[in-house]
Amino acid sequence: MSVNAIAPAAIATQMLKDGFAEAPEKLKELESYHPAGIIGSPEQLAIFVKSVTEQRGGFLTGSVLEFNGGIAGKLSDPA
C-alpha cells in the first residue's frame, strides 16, 4: 500500500478568485510570485494527483509531494 500527501500552493479555485474579487491586481501579483508564472488550475492538480495514484512499484510511500509552481523555493521564514 502507498500512502502519500499532496501539498498544493494557491490553486485557481472559485474560492480563491472570490477572495481577490475586490483587488484583482493582487491576484496577478500572487501569480507573478510563482516561478512557473501561473497559479495552478484545479485541472492541473487533478492530472498530477492521477499520475501519482497510478504509479506502480510501491516505493513511493510516506511522501509529501509539493505542487506549487516553484513558489516554495522563493518563500523564506524570517524567524
Protein backbone atom coordinates (compact mmCIF):
# COMPACT_ATOMS: atom_id res chain seq x y z
CA MET A 1 0.00 0.00 0.00
CA SER A 2 1.18 3.52 -0.81
CA VAL A 3 0.19 6.47 1.38
CA ASN A 4 1.24 9.94 0.22
CA ALA A 5 0.08 13.53 0.56
CA ILE A 6 -0.15 16.36 -1.96
CA ALA A 7 0.73 19.84 -0.68
CA PRO A 8 -0.62 22.37 -3.19
CA ALA A 9 0.10 26.08 -3.18
CA ALA A 10 -2.56 28.51 -4.41
CA ILE A 11 -4.95 26.83 -6.84
CA ALA A 12 -7.25 28.91 -9.05
CA THR A 13 -10.49 27.74 -7.48
CA GLN A 14 -13.63 29.86 -7.35
CA MET A 15 -12.97 30.46 -3.66
CA LEU A 16 -9.51 31.89 -4.43
CA LYS A 17 -10.89 34.08 -7.22
CA ASP A 18 -13.71 35.31 -4.97
CA GLY A 19 -11.16 36.21 -2.31
CA PHE A 20 -9.48 38.58 -4.77
CA ALA A 21 -12.68 39.95 -6.35
CA GLU A 22 -12.17 43.39 -4.79
CA ALA A 23 -8.48 43.54 -5.76
CA PRO A 24 -7.83 41.58 -8.98
CA GLU A 25 -4.42 43.21 -9.28
CA LYS A 26 -3.40 41.36 -6.09
CA LEU A 27 -4.30 38.05 -7.74
CA LYS A 28 -1.99 38.97 -10.64
CA GLU A 29 0.68 39.85 -8.10
CA LEU A 30 0.30 36.46 -6.42
CA GLU A 31 0.57 34.81 -9.83
CA SER A 32 3.82 36.67 -10.53
CA TYR A 33 5.43 35.26 -7.37
CA HIS A 34 5.30 31.74 -8.81
CA PRO A 35 8.39 30.89 -10.91
CA ALA A 36 6.03 28.96 -13.21
CA GLY A 37 4.34 32.32 -13.92
CA ILE A 38 0.86 30.99 -13.22
CA ILE A 39 -1.37 29.87 -10.40
CA GLY A 40 -2.18 26.18 -10.78
CA SER A 41 -5.59 25.19 -12.03
CA PRO A 42 -7.82 22.54 -10.48
CA GLU A 43 -7.42 20.56 -13.70
CA GLN A 44 -3.61 20.63 -13.47
CA LEU A 45 -3.80 19.47 -9.86
CA ALA A 46 -6.16 16.63 -10.82
CA ILE A 47 -3.76 15.45 -13.55
CA PHE A 48 -0.90 15.48 -11.03
CA VAL A 49 -2.87 13.55 -8.41
CA LYS A 50 -3.94 11.00 -11.01
CA SER A 51 -0.35 10.47 -12.12
CA VAL A 52 0.77 9.89 -8.52
CA THR A 53 -2.03 7.42 -7.83
CA GLU A 54 -1.20 5.49 -11.00
CA GLN A 55 2.44 4.95 -10.06
CA ARG A 56 3.43 1.34 -9.66
CA GLY A 57 6.15 -0.32 -7.70
CA GLY A 58 5.21 0.70 -4.17
CA PHE A 59 8.45 2.51 -3.39
CA LEU A 60 6.81 5.95 -3.32
CA THR A 61 5.14 5.97 0.07
CA GLY A 62 5.11 8.19 3.12
CA SER A 63 5.87 11.21 0.95
CA VAL A 64 4.57 14.75 0.84
CA LEU A 65 4.62 15.92 -2.78
CA GLU A 66 4.57 19.66 -3.36
CA PHE A 67 2.50 21.07 -6.21
CA ASN A 68 3.41 24.73 -6.05
CA GLY A 69 4.77 26.11 -9.30
CA GLY A 70 8.15 26.61 -7.63
CA ILE A 71 6.94 29.17 -5.08
CA ALA A 72 8.21 27.13 -2.12
CA GLY A 73 11.76 27.85 -3.27
CA LYS A 74 11.08 31.57 -3.06
CA LEU A 75 9.44 31.66 0.35
CA SER A 76 11.50 32.22 3.45
CA ASP A 77 10.85 32.17 7.15
CA PRO A 78 12.37 35.29 8.71
CA ALA A 79 12.40 33.71 12.17
